């Protein structure tokens, strides 16, 4: 697992990482919503690079979208907060446990969000339920 010490302000973040399909290749997808005003190009590049390294995926297959200035409430209060969702085919509980601390540190720094105002939600995806170029990954 690569360690990136670079840091990137309250974002909702959805990452879908797909393992090899029948034509080879991978497809991680990040959908980001934040209450902060973000300089999108800089932040998208930082997030893409960090997550590609953390997941050991080539950045050339990363897809990132970002929507900023979204209303968010955490613990009954406005202010910087983040919800980070990671979905991946074949993800294990141990992998989630291993990458959660790195993700929390990175998003706290990069998003300028206190580390106690971030939720990270991780799920394995059934390869039959996700498609690329008209084919599922099953």
N, C-alpha and C. Protein backbone atom coordinates (compact mmCIF):
# COMPACT_ATOMS: atom_id res chain seq x y z
N UNK A 1 0.85 -1.17 0.00
CA UNK A 1 0.00 0.00 0.00
C UNK A 1 0.89 1.23 0.00
N UNK A 2 0.63 2.15 -0.93
CA UNK A 2 1.44 3.36 -0.99
C UNK A 2 0.96 4.35 0.05
N UNK A 3 1.86 5.14 0.56
CA UNK A 3 1.54 6.14 1.57
C UNK A 3 1.76 7.51 0.96
N UNK A 4 0.70 8.32 0.87
CA UNK A 4 0.80 9.66 0.31
C UNK A 4 0.57 10.64 1.44
N UNK A 5 1.55 11.46 1.72
CA UNK A 5 1.45 12.42 2.83
C UNK A 5 0.80 13.73 2.40
N UNK A 6 0.52 13.91 1.09
CA UNK A 6 -0.15 15.13 0.64
C UNK A 6 -1.56 15.17 1.20
N UNK A 7 -2.05 16.36 1.43
CA UNK A 7 -3.38 16.51 2.02
C UNK A 7 -4.31 17.35 1.14
N UNK A 8 -5.74 17.21 1.03
CA UNK A 8 -6.71 18.01 0.25
C UNK A 8 -7.88 18.46 1.13
N UNK A 9 -11.59 20.50 1.67
CA UNK A 9 -12.40 21.09 2.74
C UNK A 9 -13.82 20.54 2.71
N UNK A 10 -15.52 19.81 3.89
CA UNK A 10 -16.55 18.90 4.04
C UNK A 10 -16.99 18.30 2.74
N UNK A 11 -16.64 17.09 2.44
CA UNK A 11 -17.00 16.45 1.18
C UNK A 11 -17.72 15.13 1.39
N UNK A 12 -18.70 14.90 0.55
CA UNK A 12 -19.30 13.58 0.45
C UNK A 12 -18.58 12.94 -0.72
N UNK A 13 -18.08 11.77 -0.52
CA UNK A 13 -17.17 11.16 -1.48
C UNK A 13 -17.61 9.72 -1.74
N UNK A 14 -17.84 9.38 -2.98
CA UNK A 14 -18.20 8.02 -3.32
C UNK A 14 -17.15 7.48 -4.26
N UNK A 15 -16.57 6.37 -3.90
CA UNK A 15 -15.54 5.76 -4.73
C UNK A 15 -15.98 4.36 -5.09
N UNK A 16 -16.01 4.08 -6.37
CA UNK A 16 -16.30 2.74 -6.83
C UNK A 16 -15.04 2.23 -7.50
N UNK A 17 -14.49 1.16 -7.01
CA UNK A 17 -13.29 0.57 -7.59
C UNK A 17 -13.67 -0.79 -8.14
N UNK A 18 -13.48 -0.96 -9.43
CA UNK A 18 -13.83 -2.21 -10.07
C UNK A 18 -12.58 -2.96 -10.46
N UNK A 19 -12.56 -4.23 -10.13
CA UNK A 19 -11.42 -5.06 -10.51
C UNK A 19 -11.51 -5.42 -11.98
N UNK A 20 -10.60 -6.24 -12.44
CA UNK A 20 -10.50 -6.57 -13.87
C UNK A 20 -11.80 -7.15 -14.40
N UNK A 21 -12.20 -6.65 -15.59
CA UNK A 21 -13.34 -7.24 -16.27
C UNK A 21 -12.81 -8.24 -17.29
N UNK A 22 -13.70 -8.78 -18.10
CA UNK A 22 -13.27 -9.80 -19.04
C UNK A 22 -12.37 -9.25 -20.14
N UNK A 23 -12.23 -7.95 -20.28
CA UNK A 23 -11.33 -7.35 -21.25
C UNK A 23 -10.09 -6.79 -20.57
N UNK A 24 -9.93 -7.05 -19.29
CA UNK A 24 -8.80 -6.51 -18.53
C UNK A 24 -9.10 -5.09 -18.08
N UNK A 25 -8.25 -4.53 -17.26
CA UNK A 25 -8.40 -3.15 -16.81
C UNK A 25 -9.23 -3.03 -15.54
N UNK A 26 -9.24 -1.83 -15.00
CA UNK A 26 -9.99 -1.53 -13.79
C UNK A 26 -10.71 -0.21 -13.99
N UNK A 27 -11.65 0.11 -13.10
CA UNK A 27 -12.36 1.38 -13.23
C UNK A 27 -12.77 1.92 -11.89
N UNK A 28 -11.92 2.66 -11.21
CA UNK A 28 -12.35 3.35 -10.00
C UNK A 28 -13.14 4.62 -10.35
N UNK A 29 -14.22 4.89 -9.61
CA UNK A 29 -15.04 6.08 -9.84
C UNK A 29 -15.24 6.80 -8.51
N UNK A 30 -15.00 8.11 -8.51
CA UNK A 30 -15.20 8.93 -7.33
C UNK A 30 -16.26 9.98 -7.61
N UNK A 31 -17.29 10.05 -6.77
CA UNK A 31 -18.32 11.08 -6.86
C UNK A 31 -18.24 11.88 -5.56
N UNK A 32 -17.94 13.17 -5.68
CA UNK A 32 -17.66 13.99 -4.50
C UNK A 32 -18.66 15.13 -4.39
N UNK A 33 -19.23 15.31 -3.19
CA UNK A 33 -20.09 16.45 -2.87
C UNK A 33 -19.54 17.09 -1.61
N UNK A 34 -19.46 18.43 -1.59
CA UNK A 34 -18.91 19.11 -0.43
C UNK A 34 -19.66 20.39 -0.11
N UNK A 35 -19.63 20.78 1.14
CA UNK A 35 -20.19 22.06 1.57
C UNK A 35 -19.20 23.19 1.32
N UNK A 36 -17.96 22.86 1.07
CA UNK A 36 -16.91 23.85 0.86
C UNK A 36 -16.87 24.32 -0.59
N UNK A 37 -16.32 25.52 -0.79
CA UNK A 37 -16.01 25.98 -2.14
C UNK A 37 -14.64 25.41 -2.47
N UNK A 38 -14.56 24.69 -3.56
CA UNK A 38 -13.35 23.94 -3.90
C UNK A 38 -12.78 24.41 -5.24
N UNK A 39 -11.47 24.50 -5.30
CA UNK A 39 -10.78 24.68 -6.58
C UNK A 39 -10.70 23.30 -7.21
N UNK A 40 -11.71 22.98 -8.01
CA UNK A 40 -11.94 21.61 -8.46
C UNK A 40 -10.74 20.93 -9.12
N UNK A 41 -10.09 21.59 -10.06
CA UNK A 41 -9.01 20.93 -10.78
C UNK A 41 -7.90 20.47 -9.85
N UNK A 42 -7.50 21.32 -8.92
CA UNK A 42 -6.44 20.95 -7.98
C UNK A 42 -6.87 19.80 -7.08
N UNK A 43 -8.06 19.88 -6.52
CA UNK A 43 -8.53 18.87 -5.58
C UNK A 43 -8.78 17.54 -6.28
N UNK A 44 -9.41 17.58 -7.44
CA UNK A 44 -9.68 16.34 -8.18
C UNK A 44 -8.37 15.62 -8.49
N UNK A 45 -7.38 16.35 -8.93
CA UNK A 45 -6.08 15.74 -9.23
C UNK A 45 -5.46 15.12 -7.98
N UNK A 46 -5.51 15.85 -6.86
CA UNK A 46 -4.94 15.34 -5.61
C UNK A 46 -5.65 14.06 -5.15
N UNK A 47 -6.99 14.08 -5.20
CA UNK A 47 -7.76 12.91 -4.77
C UNK A 47 -7.51 11.72 -5.69
N UNK A 48 -7.53 11.97 -6.99
CA UNK A 48 -7.29 10.90 -7.96
C UNK A 48 -5.93 10.24 -7.74
N UNK A 49 -4.92 11.06 -7.59
CA UNK A 49 -3.56 10.54 -7.39
C UNK A 49 -3.45 9.76 -6.08
N UNK A 50 -3.98 10.33 -4.99
CA UNK A 50 -3.91 9.67 -3.69
C UNK A 50 -4.62 8.32 -3.71
N UNK A 51 -5.88 8.31 -4.20
CA UNK A 51 -6.66 7.07 -4.16
C UNK A 51 -6.09 6.02 -5.10
N UNK A 52 -5.59 6.42 -6.26
CA UNK A 52 -4.95 5.44 -7.16
C UNK A 52 -3.78 4.78 -6.46
N UNK A 53 -2.97 5.57 -5.77
CA UNK A 53 -1.83 5.01 -5.03
C UNK A 53 -2.27 4.13 -3.88
N UNK A 54 -3.25 4.60 -3.12
CA UNK A 54 -3.73 3.84 -1.96
C UNK A 54 -4.33 2.50 -2.38
N UNK A 55 -5.05 2.50 -3.50
CA UNK A 55 -5.71 1.29 -3.99
C UNK A 55 -4.83 0.46 -4.92
N UNK A 56 -3.64 0.98 -5.20
CA UNK A 56 -2.71 0.30 -6.10
C UNK A 56 -3.31 0.14 -7.50
N UNK A 57 -3.96 1.20 -7.98
CA UNK A 57 -4.59 1.22 -9.30
C UNK A 57 -3.90 2.27 -10.16
N UNK A 58 -3.83 2.07 -11.48
CA UNK A 58 -3.26 3.11 -12.33
C UNK A 58 -4.20 4.31 -12.40
N UNK A 59 -3.64 5.50 -12.30
CA UNK A 59 -4.47 6.71 -12.31
C UNK A 59 -5.20 6.88 -13.65
N UNK A 60 -4.68 6.31 -14.71
CA UNK A 60 -5.30 6.46 -16.03
C UNK A 60 -6.71 5.85 -16.10
N UNK A 61 -7.08 5.03 -15.13
CA UNK A 61 -8.42 4.45 -15.12
C UNK A 61 -9.35 5.09 -14.09
N UNK A 62 -8.87 6.12 -13.41
CA UNK A 62 -9.67 6.80 -12.39
C UNK A 62 -10.68 7.75 -13.05
N UNK A 63 -11.89 7.82 -12.50
CA UNK A 63 -12.88 8.82 -12.90
C UNK A 63 -13.31 9.55 -11.64
N UNK A 64 -13.27 10.89 -11.68
CA UNK A 64 -13.60 11.70 -10.51
C UNK A 64 -14.59 12.79 -10.91
N UNK A 65 -15.67 12.96 -10.13
CA UNK A 65 -16.57 14.10 -10.31
C UNK A 65 -16.68 14.82 -8.96
N UNK A 66 -16.92 16.14 -9.02
CA UNK A 66 -16.95 16.96 -7.80
C UNK A 66 -18.06 17.99 -7.89
N UNK A 67 -18.90 18.03 -6.85
CA UNK A 67 -19.94 19.05 -6.71
C UNK A 67 -19.69 19.74 -5.37
N UNK A 68 -19.38 21.04 -5.41
CA UNK A 68 -19.08 21.75 -4.17
C UNK A 68 -20.24 22.64 -3.73
N UNK A 69 -20.09 23.25 -2.56
CA UNK A 69 -21.07 24.13 -1.94
C UNK A 69 -22.44 23.45 -1.76
N UNK A 70 -22.41 22.19 -1.32
CA UNK A 70 -23.61 21.41 -1.04
C UNK A 70 -23.93 21.54 0.45
N UNK A 71 -25.21 21.71 0.81
CA UNK A 71 -25.59 21.79 2.22
C UNK A 71 -25.31 20.45 2.90
N UNK A 72 -24.56 20.50 4.01
CA UNK A 72 -24.26 19.29 4.79
C UNK A 72 -24.40 19.63 6.27
N UNK A 73 -24.87 18.66 7.04
CA UNK A 73 -25.02 18.81 8.48
C UNK A 73 -24.41 17.57 9.13
N UNK A 74 -23.58 17.76 10.16
CA UNK A 74 -22.95 16.64 10.86
C UNK A 74 -23.10 16.88 12.35
N UNK A 75 -23.59 15.90 13.08
CA UNK A 75 -23.78 16.01 14.53
C UNK A 75 -24.63 17.23 14.89
N UNK A 76 -25.62 17.53 14.04
CA UNK A 76 -26.51 18.65 14.29
C UNK A 76 -25.93 20.01 14.05
N UNK A 77 -24.74 20.07 13.44
CA UNK A 77 -24.08 21.36 13.22
C UNK A 77 -23.65 21.51 11.76
N UNK A 78 -23.75 22.75 11.28
CA UNK A 78 -23.18 23.08 9.98
C UNK A 78 -21.67 23.15 10.12
N UNK A 79 -20.99 23.25 9.03
CA UNK A 79 -19.54 23.36 9.06
C UNK A 79 -18.92 22.23 8.26
N UNK A 80 -17.62 22.27 8.16
CA UNK A 80 -16.92 21.25 7.39
C UNK A 80 -17.22 19.84 7.93
N UNK A 81 -17.57 18.96 7.01
CA UNK A 81 -17.82 17.56 7.34
C UNK A 81 -17.62 16.75 6.07
N UNK A 82 -17.44 15.46 6.22
CA UNK A 82 -17.27 14.61 5.04
C UNK A 82 -17.92 13.25 5.26
N UNK A 83 -18.53 12.76 4.19
CA UNK A 83 -19.01 11.38 4.13
C UNK A 83 -18.26 10.75 2.97
N UNK A 84 -17.51 9.71 3.26
CA UNK A 84 -16.68 9.06 2.26
C UNK A 84 -17.21 7.65 2.06
N UNK A 85 -17.62 7.33 0.84
CA UNK A 85 -18.13 5.99 0.56
C UNK A 85 -17.23 5.32 -0.47
N UNK A 86 -16.77 4.13 -0.13
CA UNK A 86 -15.90 3.34 -1.00
C UNK A 86 -16.61 2.05 -1.36
N UNK A 87 -16.73 1.77 -2.65
CA UNK A 87 -17.31 0.52 -3.13
C UNK A 87 -16.30 -0.13 -4.05
N UNK A 88 -16.12 -1.44 -3.88
CA UNK A 88 -15.14 -2.15 -4.70
C UNK A 88 -15.53 -3.61 -4.84
N UNK A 89 -15.32 -4.15 -6.02
CA UNK A 89 -15.52 -5.58 -6.23
C UNK A 89 -14.40 -6.32 -5.51
N UNK A 90 -14.78 -7.27 -4.67
CA UNK A 90 -13.80 -8.11 -4.00
C UNK A 90 -13.15 -7.49 -2.78
N UNK A 91 -13.66 -6.38 -2.30
CA UNK A 91 -13.08 -5.73 -1.13
C UNK A 91 -13.34 -6.58 0.12
N UNK A 92 -12.32 -6.70 0.95
CA UNK A 92 -12.45 -7.48 2.18
C UNK A 92 -12.51 -6.56 3.39
N UNK A 93 -13.00 -7.10 4.48
CA UNK A 93 -13.03 -6.35 5.73
C UNK A 93 -11.64 -5.91 6.17
N UNK A 94 -10.65 -6.77 5.97
CA UNK A 94 -9.29 -6.42 6.35
C UNK A 94 -8.75 -5.27 5.51
N UNK A 95 -9.06 -5.26 4.21
CA UNK A 95 -8.63 -4.15 3.35
C UNK A 95 -9.25 -2.84 3.82
N UNK A 96 -10.53 -2.88 4.18
CA UNK A 96 -11.20 -1.67 4.69
C UNK A 96 -10.50 -1.18 5.95
N UNK A 97 -10.21 -2.09 6.86
CA UNK A 97 -9.54 -1.74 8.11
C UNK A 97 -8.17 -1.14 7.83
N UNK A 98 -7.46 -1.68 6.85
CA UNK A 98 -6.11 -1.21 6.52
C UNK A 98 -6.09 0.20 5.92
N UNK A 99 -7.06 0.52 5.06
CA UNK A 99 -7.01 1.81 4.36
C UNK A 99 -7.78 2.93 5.07
N UNK A 100 -8.67 2.59 6.01
CA UNK A 100 -9.48 3.61 6.69
C UNK A 100 -8.65 4.70 7.37
N UNK A 101 -7.58 4.37 8.10
CA UNK A 101 -6.79 5.44 8.74
C UNK A 101 -6.14 6.39 7.74
N UNK A 102 -5.61 5.85 6.64
CA UNK A 102 -4.99 6.69 5.61
C UNK A 102 -6.02 7.60 4.96
N UNK A 103 -7.19 7.05 4.64
CA UNK A 103 -8.25 7.85 4.02
C UNK A 103 -8.69 8.96 4.97
N UNK A 104 -8.87 8.64 6.25
CA UNK A 104 -9.32 9.64 7.22
C UNK A 104 -8.31 10.78 7.34
N UNK A 105 -7.04 10.44 7.45
CA UNK A 105 -5.99 11.48 7.53
C UNK A 105 -5.96 12.34 6.27
N UNK A 106 -6.02 11.69 5.12
CA UNK A 106 -5.96 12.41 3.85
C UNK A 106 -7.13 13.38 3.70
N UNK A 107 -8.35 12.90 3.91
CA UNK A 107 -9.52 13.76 3.73
C UNK A 107 -9.61 14.85 4.79
N UNK A 108 -9.19 14.57 6.00
CA UNK A 108 -9.15 15.61 7.03
C UNK A 108 -8.25 16.75 6.58
N UNK A 109 -7.12 16.42 6.02
CA UNK A 109 -6.15 17.43 5.59
C UNK A 109 -6.57 18.12 4.29
N UNK A 110 -6.84 17.33 3.28
CA UNK A 110 -7.15 17.87 1.95
C UNK A 110 -8.45 18.67 1.94
N UNK A 111 -9.43 18.20 2.70
CA UNK A 111 -10.74 18.85 2.72
C UNK A 111 -10.88 19.88 3.82
N UNK A 112 -9.84 20.00 4.65
CA UNK A 112 -9.86 20.91 5.79
C UNK A 112 -11.07 20.63 6.68
N UNK A 113 -11.23 19.34 7.01
CA UNK A 113 -12.33 18.85 7.84
C UNK A 113 -11.72 18.20 9.08
N UNK A 114 -12.22 18.53 10.27
CA UNK A 114 -11.71 17.83 11.46
C UNK A 114 -11.88 16.32 11.31
N UNK A 115 -10.91 15.57 11.78
CA UNK A 115 -10.96 14.11 11.59
C UNK A 115 -12.12 13.44 12.33
N UNK A 116 -12.76 14.16 13.25
CA UNK A 116 -13.92 13.60 13.94
C UNK A 116 -15.24 14.05 13.31
N UNK A 117 -15.16 14.60 12.10
CA UNK A 117 -16.36 14.98 11.34
C UNK A 117 -16.35 14.30 9.97
N UNK A 118 -15.79 13.09 9.95
CA UNK A 118 -15.70 12.30 8.72
C UNK A 118 -16.24 10.90 8.98
N UNK A 119 -17.17 10.46 8.15
CA UNK A 119 -17.59 9.06 8.14
C UNK A 119 -17.03 8.43 6.87
N UNK A 120 -16.56 7.20 6.99
CA UNK A 120 -16.10 6.43 5.84
C UNK A 120 -16.92 5.15 5.80
N UNK A 121 -17.62 4.93 4.70
CA UNK A 121 -18.52 3.79 4.51
C UNK A 121 -17.97 2.95 3.36
N UNK A 122 -17.62 1.69 3.62
CA UNK A 122 -17.01 0.84 2.59
C UNK A 122 -17.85 -0.40 2.34
N UNK A 123 -17.98 -0.77 1.07
CA UNK A 123 -18.79 -1.92 0.66
C UNK A 123 -18.14 -2.69 -0.48
N UNK A 124 -18.31 -4.00 -0.45
CA UNK A 124 -17.96 -4.86 -1.56
C UNK A 124 -19.11 -4.80 -2.58
N UNK A 125 -18.79 -4.81 -3.86
CA UNK A 125 -19.80 -4.80 -4.92
C UNK A 125 -19.84 -6.17 -5.59
N UNK A 126 -21.03 -6.70 -5.81
CA UNK A 126 -21.20 -7.94 -6.57
C UNK A 126 -20.89 -7.64 -8.03
N UNK A 127 -19.92 -8.34 -8.60
CA UNK A 127 -19.48 -8.06 -9.98
C UNK A 127 -20.60 -8.22 -11.00
N UNK A 128 -21.67 -8.95 -10.67
CA UNK A 128 -22.81 -9.09 -11.58
C UNK A 128 -23.67 -7.83 -11.61
N UNK A 129 -23.46 -6.93 -10.64
CA UNK A 129 -24.31 -5.76 -10.50
C UNK A 129 -23.67 -4.48 -11.03
N UNK A 130 -22.52 -4.59 -11.69
CA UNK A 130 -21.85 -3.40 -12.20
C UNK A 130 -21.32 -3.68 -13.60
N UNK A 131 -21.51 -2.71 -14.50
CA UNK A 131 -21.13 -2.92 -15.90
C UNK A 131 -20.23 -1.81 -16.41
N UNK A 132 -19.45 -2.12 -17.43
CA UNK A 132 -18.57 -1.18 -18.13
C UNK A 132 -18.56 -1.58 -19.59
N UNK A 133 -18.76 -0.60 -20.47
CA UNK A 133 -18.81 -0.85 -21.91
C UNK A 133 -19.86 -1.91 -22.27
N UNK A 134 -20.98 -1.88 -21.55
CA UNK A 134 -22.08 -2.78 -21.84
C UNK A 134 -21.96 -4.18 -21.28
N UNK A 135 -20.90 -4.46 -20.54
CA UNK A 135 -20.71 -5.80 -19.97
C UNK A 135 -20.54 -5.70 -18.46
N UNK A 136 -21.17 -6.65 -17.75
CA UNK A 136 -20.93 -6.69 -16.31
C UNK A 136 -19.54 -7.27 -16.07
N UNK A 137 -19.09 -7.16 -14.85
CA UNK A 137 -17.76 -7.65 -14.49
C UNK A 137 -17.81 -9.12 -14.06
N UNK A 138 -18.98 -9.77 -14.22
CA UNK A 138 -19.12 -11.19 -13.85
C UNK A 138 -18.47 -12.09 -14.88
